Amino acid sequence: MSNRRTFAVLGISETNSIFLAKQIAKTNPVLLFDHDAVVLNTVYSQILLEYPNANAEIMICPTNASWEADVIILSNAAASDSNLTEKIRKVATGKIVLFLENKKNTSGNTAEKWQDLFPFSKVIQSFESADNSNDSFFLNGNDKEAVKTILTLLTNIGLKADIL
């Protein structure tokens, strides 16, 4: 892929974010952050073991990870951490911010909530498919180009994705 982007995956301790980070690391640089250092080190080691040529890096600060990334991915836990989201808001300006959400736990229209929180970012929601597989996602967002970028990325790394 000639247009490689750097991805920050914040909240790496959830199954869907671990899976996605591993898939992205096959072809793109990935910056990993989680408050749980044990989980963070374990996931980082797994990525390097499975993909020795992966360009993965542990980040100890979500702001630095977000600053260096082209695309910011937040797990459910990271997105619900108001302290973390406040720290990255300013450095997320102009970037794609992808929220990994579990459709079963989503109530109301959170896309508007996320867009209000990140007004100068291209906010996309990603919902797990109903079949509970980690490799299938539904995307929703107001910026059609950003949604297409994430859709292309996910399908290029072997995942199933569709636009809601």
C-alpha atoms as a PDB file:
ATOM      1  CA  MET A   1       0.000   0.000   0.000  1.00  0.00           C
ATOM      2  CA  SER A   2       1.658   3.186  -1.167  1.00  0.00           C
ATOM      3  CA  ASN A   3      -0.343   5.525   1.039  1.00  0.00           C
ATOM      4  CA  ARG A   4       0.642   4.203   4.457  1.00  0.00           C
ATOM      5  CA  ARG A   5      -0.799   5.960   7.463  1.00  0.00           C
ATOM      6  CA  THR A   6       0.205   5.780  11.108  1.00  0.00           C
ATOM      7  CA  PHE A   7      -2.519   4.543  13.455  1.00  0.00           C
ATOM      8  CA  ALA A   8      -2.761   5.170  17.187  1.00  0.00           C
ATOM      9  CA  VAL A   9      -4.802   2.501  18.956  1.00  0.00           C
ATOM     10  CA  LEU A  10      -5.853   3.778  22.371  1.00  0.00           C
ATOM     11  CA  GLY A  11      -7.302   1.290  24.841  1.00  0.00           C
ATOM     12  CA  ILE A  12      -5.581  -1.795  23.539  1.00  0.00           C
ATOM     13  CA  SER A  13      -6.941  -4.064  26.288  1.00  0.00           C
ATOM     14  CA  GLU A  14     -10.227  -4.854  24.503  1.00  0.00           C
ATOM     15  CA  THR A  15     -10.546  -7.809  22.138  1.00  0.00           C
ATOM     16  CA  ASN A  16     -11.675  -5.806  19.116  1.00  0.00           C
ATOM     17  CA  SER A  17      -8.910  -3.218  19.494  1.00  0.00           C
ATOM     18  CA  ILE A  18      -6.250  -5.929  19.924  1.00  0.00           C
ATOM     19  CA  PHE A  19      -7.492  -7.710  16.811  1.00  0.00           C
ATOM     20  CA  LEU A  20      -7.612  -4.482  14.798  1.00  0.00           C
ATOM     21  CA  ALA A  21      -4.150  -3.356  15.962  1.00  0.00           C
ATOM     22  CA  LYS A  22      -2.677  -6.698  14.893  1.00  0.00           C
ATOM     23  CA  GLN A  23      -4.323  -6.524  11.479  1.00  0.00           C
ATOM     24  CA  ILE A  24      -3.225  -2.921  10.905  1.00  0.00           C
ATOM     25  CA  ALA A  25       0.346  -3.705  12.000  1.00  0.00           C
ATOM     26  CA  LYS A  26       0.708  -6.087   9.046  1.00  0.00           C
ATOM     27  CA  THR A  27       0.905  -3.154   6.629  1.00  0.00           C
ATOM     28  CA  ASN A  28       0.946   0.144   8.550  1.00  0.00           C
ATOM     29  CA  PRO A  29       2.763   1.696  11.499  1.00  0.00           C
ATOM     30  CA  VAL A  30       0.786   1.351  14.728  1.00  0.00           C
ATOM     31  CA  LEU A  31       1.209   3.198  18.031  1.00  0.00           C
ATOM     32  CA  LEU A  32      -0.211   1.359  21.048  1.00  0.00           C
ATOM     33  CA  PHE A  33      -1.486   2.897  24.273  1.00  0.00           C
ATOM     34  CA  ASP A  34      -3.290   1.526  27.311  1.00  0.00           C
ATOM     35  CA  HIS A  35      -3.296   2.407  31.005  1.00  0.00           C
ATOM     36  CA  ASP A  36      -2.555  -1.253  31.800  1.00  0.00           C
ATOM     37  CA  ALA A  37       1.182  -1.652  31.134  1.00  0.00           C
ATOM     38  CA  VAL A  38       1.055  -5.445  31.399  1.00  0.00           C
ATOM     39  CA  VAL A  39      -1.613  -5.732  28.703  1.00  0.00           C
ATOM     40  CA  LEU A  40       0.167  -3.145  26.568  1.00  0.00           C
ATOM     41  CA  ASN A  41       3.478  -5.038  26.705  1.00  0.00           C
ATOM     42  CA  THR A  42       1.741  -8.353  26.046  1.00  0.00           C
ATOM     43  CA  VAL A  43      -0.074  -7.084  22.953  1.00  0.00           C
ATOM     44  CA  TYR A  44       3.090  -5.405  21.673  1.00  0.00           C
ATOM     45  CA  SER A  45       5.030  -8.665  22.100  1.00  0.00           C
ATOM     46  CA  GLN A  46       2.279 -10.645  20.355  1.00  0.00           C
ATOM     47  CA  ILE A  47       2.340  -8.273  17.380  1.00  0.00           C
ATOM     48  CA  LEU A  48       6.107  -8.555  16.997  1.00  0.00           C
ATOM     49  CA  LEU A  49       5.979 -12.335  17.413  1.00  0.00           C
ATOM     50  CA  GLU A  50       3.226 -12.753  14.801  1.00  0.00           C
ATOM     51  CA  TYR A  51       4.564 -10.074  12.431  1.00  0.00           C
ATOM     52  CA  PRO A  52       8.330  -9.646  12.916  1.00  0.00           C
ATOM     53  CA  ASN A  53       8.459  -6.849  10.322  1.00  0.00           C
ATOM     54  CA  ALA A  54       5.641  -4.876  11.955  1.00  0.00           C
ATOM     55  CA  ASN A  55       6.243  -1.232  12.718  1.00  0.00           C
ATOM     56  CA  ALA A  56       4.661  -1.162  16.189  1.00  0.00           C
ATOM     57  CA  GLU A  57       5.551   1.083  19.082  1.00  0.00           C
ATOM     58  CA  ILE A  58       4.438   1.326  22.694  1.00  0.00           C
ATOM     59  CA  MET A  59       3.372   4.813  23.712  1.00  0.00           C
ATOM     60  CA  ILE A  60       3.192   5.878  27.353  1.00  0.00           C
ATOM     61  CA  CYS A  61       1.100   8.975  26.632  1.00  0.00           C
ATOM     62  CA  PRO A  62      -2.183   9.065  24.673  1.00  0.00           C
ATOM     63  CA  THR A  63      -1.535  12.659  23.622  1.00  0.00           C
ATOM     64  CA  ASN A  64       1.830  11.819  22.043  1.00  0.00           C
ATOM     65  CA  ALA A  65       0.370   8.752  20.323  1.00  0.00           C
ATOM     66  CA  SER A  66      -2.473  10.831  18.921  1.00  0.00           C
ATOM     67  CA  TRP A  67      -0.149  13.650  17.889  1.00  0.00           C
ATOM     68  CA  GLU A  68       2.067  11.303  15.875  1.00  0.00           C
ATOM     69  CA  ALA A  69      -0.802   9.380  14.244  1.00  0.00           C
ATOM     70  CA  ASP A  70      -2.777  10.077  11.102  1.00  0.00           C
ATOM     71  CA  VAL A  71      -5.732   8.044  12.392  1.00  0.00           C
ATOM     72  CA  ILE A  72      -6.759   7.654  16.052  1.00  0.00           C
ATOM     73  CA  ILE A  73      -8.684   4.549  17.088  1.00  0.00           C
ATOM     74  CA  LEU A  74     -10.418   4.502  20.472  1.00  0.00           C
ATOM     75  CA  SER A  75     -11.796   1.360  22.099  1.00  0.00           C
ATOM     76  CA  ASN A  76     -15.010   1.473  24.146  1.00  0.00           C
ATOM     77  CA  ALA A  77     -13.011   1.873  27.364  1.00  0.00           C
ATOM     78  CA  ALA A  78     -10.784   4.618  25.977  1.00  0.00           C
ATOM     79  CA  ALA A  79     -13.751   6.503  24.527  1.00  0.00           C
ATOM     80  CA  SER A  80     -15.561   6.421  27.861  1.00  0.00           C
ATOM     81  CA  ASP A  81     -12.510   7.828  29.674  1.00  0.00           C
ATOM     82  CA  SER A  82     -13.299  11.565  29.670  1.00  0.00           C
ATOM     83  CA  ASN A  83      -9.802  12.405  30.953  1.00  0.00           C
ATOM     84  CA  LEU A  84      -8.215  10.599  28.003  1.00  0.00           C
ATOM     85  CA  THR A  85     -10.539  12.110  25.394  1.00  0.00           C
ATOM     86  CA  GLU A  86      -9.920  15.585  26.791  1.00  0.00           C
ATOM     87  CA  LYS A  87      -6.151  15.036  26.529  1.00  0.00           C
ATOM     88  CA  ILE A  88      -6.285  14.115  22.842  1.00  0.00           C
ATOM     89  CA  ARG A  89      -8.945  16.557  21.600  1.00  0.00           C
ATOM     90  CA  LYS A  90      -6.567  19.298  20.501  1.00  0.00           C
ATOM     91  CA  VAL A  91      -4.081  17.003  18.757  1.00  0.00           C
ATOM     92  CA  ALA A  92      -6.904  15.203  16.914  1.00  0.00           C
ATOM     93  CA  THR A  93      -7.679  18.285  14.819  1.00  0.00           C
ATOM     94  CA  GLY A  94      -8.038  17.376  11.144  1.00  0.00           C
ATOM     95  CA  LYS A  95      -7.524  13.664  11.814  1.00  0.00           C
ATOM     96  CA  ILE A  96      -9.796  10.687  11.482  1.00  0.00           C
ATOM     97  CA  VAL A  97     -10.989   9.546  14.912  1.00  0.00           C
ATOM     98  CA  LEU A  98     -12.493   6.058  14.829  1.00  0.00           C
ATOM     99  CA  PHE A  99     -14.591   4.910  17.787  1.00  0.00           C
ATOM    100  CA  LEU A 100     -14.893   1.146  18.192  1.00  0.00           C
ATOM    101  CA  GLU A 101     -18.285   0.515  19.688  1.00  0.00           C
ATOM    102  CA  ASN A 102     -20.238  -2.557  20.605  1.00  0.00           C
ATOM    103  CA  LYS A 103     -23.603  -2.131  18.891  1.00  0.00           C
ATOM    104  CA  LYS A 104     -25.344  -3.944  21.728  1.00  0.00           C
ATOM    105  CA  ASN A 105     -24.242  -1.270  24.218  1.00  0.00           C
ATOM    106  CA  THR A 106     -24.912   1.751  22.032  1.00  0.00           C
ATOM    107  CA  SER A 107     -27.844   3.891  23.106  1.00  0.00           C
ATOM    108  CA  GLY A 108     -29.010   6.935  21.218  1.00  0.00           C
ATOM    109  CA  ASN A 109     -27.037   8.736  18.527  1.00  0.00           C
ATOM    110  CA  THR A 110     -23.506   8.868  19.897  1.00  0.00           C
ATOM    111  CA  ALA A 111     -22.104   9.990  16.529  1.00  0.00           C
ATOM    112  CA  GLU A 112     -23.312  13.502  17.293  1.00  0.00           C
ATOM    113  CA  LYS A 113     -21.854  13.313  20.805  1.00  0.00           C
ATOM    114  CA  TRP A 114     -18.441  12.305  19.434  1.00  0.00           C
ATOM    115  CA  GLN A 115     -18.562  14.960  16.721  1.00  0.00           C
ATOM    116  CA  ASP A 116     -19.367  17.597  19.364  1.00  0.00           C
ATOM    117  CA  LEU A 117     -16.419  16.386  21.450  1.00  0.00           C
ATOM    118  CA  PHE A 118     -14.088  16.372  18.424  1.00  0.00           C
ATOM    119  CA  PRO A 119     -15.506  19.235  16.302  1.00  0.00           C
ATOM    120  CA  PHE A 120     -12.414  19.601  14.103  1.00  0.00           C
ATOM    121  CA  SER A 121     -11.887  15.883  13.494  1.00  0.00           C
ATOM    122  CA  LYS A 122     -13.410  13.419  11.055  1.00  0.00           C
ATOM    123  CA  VAL A 123     -15.393  11.224  13.433  1.00  0.00           C
ATOM    124  CA  ILE A 124     -16.336   7.687  12.458  1.00  0.00           C
ATOM    125  CA  GLN A 125     -18.165   5.078  14.510  1.00  0.00           C
ATOM    126  CA  SER A 126     -17.410   1.420  13.957  1.00  0.00           C
ATOM    127  CA  PHE A 127     -19.906  -1.135  15.186  1.00  0.00           C
ATOM    128  CA  GLU A 128     -19.229  -4.820  15.606  1.00  0.00           C
ATOM    129  CA  SER A 129     -21.312  -7.052  13.406  1.00  0.00           C
ATOM    130  CA  ALA A 130     -24.223  -8.961  14.895  1.00  0.00           C
ATOM    131  CA  ASP A 131     -22.455 -12.277  14.360  1.00  0.00           C
ATOM    132  CA  ASN A 132     -19.882 -11.399  17.074  1.00  0.00           C
ATOM    133  CA  SER A 133     -16.907 -11.946  14.774  1.00  0.00           C
ATOM    134  CA  ASN A 134     -13.944  -9.627  15.201  1.00  0.00           C
ATOM    135  CA  ASP A 135     -13.390  -9.284  11.471  1.00  0.00           C
ATOM    136  CA  SER A 136     -16.626  -7.575  10.465  1.00  0.00           C
ATOM    137  CA  PHE A 137     -17.465  -3.901  11.013  1.00  0.00           C
ATOM    138  CA  PHE A 138     -20.168  -1.387  10.132  1.00  0.00           C
ATOM    139  CA  LEU A 139     -19.030   2.224   9.689  1.00  0.00           C
ATOM    140  CA  ASN A 140     -20.936   5.448  10.256  1.00  0.00           C
ATOM    141  CA  GLY A 141     -19.716   9.034   9.920  1.00  0.00           C
ATOM    142  CA  ASN A 142     -20.502  12.430   8.427  1.00  0.00           C
ATOM    143  CA  ASP A 143     -17.297  12.779   6.404  1.00  0.00           C
ATOM    144  CA  LYS A 144     -17.779  10.494   3.387  1.00  0.00           C
ATOM    145  CA  GLU A 145     -14.111  10.650   2.388  1.00  0.00           C
ATOM    146  CA  ALA A 146     -12.955   9.634   5.880  1.00  0.00           C
ATOM    147  CA  VAL A 147     -15.467   6.768   5.975  1.00  0.00           C
ATOM    148  CA  LYS A 148     -14.237   5.615   2.567  1.00  0.00           C
ATOM    149  CA  THR A 149     -10.619   5.796   3.797  1.00  0.00           C
ATOM    150  CA  ILE A 150     -11.387   3.557   6.783  1.00  0.00           C
ATOM    151  CA  LEU A 151     -13.526   1.224   4.648  1.00  0.00           C
ATOM    152  CA  THR A 152     -10.638   0.843   2.199  1.00  0.00           C
ATOM    153  CA  LEU A 153      -8.140   0.261   4.990  1.00  0.00           C
ATOM    154  CA  LEU A 154     -10.269  -2.415   6.644  1.00  0.00           C
ATOM    155  CA  THR A 155     -10.938  -4.282   3.416  1.00  0.00           C
ATOM    156  CA  ASN A 156      -7.278  -4.012   2.329  1.00  0.00           C
ATOM    157  CA  ILE A 157      -6.149  -5.711   5.541  1.00  0.00           C
ATOM    158  CA  GLY A 158      -8.608  -8.562   5.041  1.00  0.00           C
ATOM    159  CA  LEU A 159     -11.547  -7.465   7.172  1.00  0.00           C
ATOM    160  CA  LYS A 160     -15.201  -7.148   6.236  1.00  0.00           C
ATOM    161  CA  ALA A 161     -16.670  -3.668   6.450  1.00  0.00           C
ATOM    162  CA  ASP A 162     -19.765  -1.897   5.238  1.00  0.00           C
ATOM    163  CA  ILE A 163     -21.240   1.590   5.592  1.00  0.00           C
ATOM    164  CA  LEU A 164     -24.417   2.053   7.643  1.00  0.00           C
END
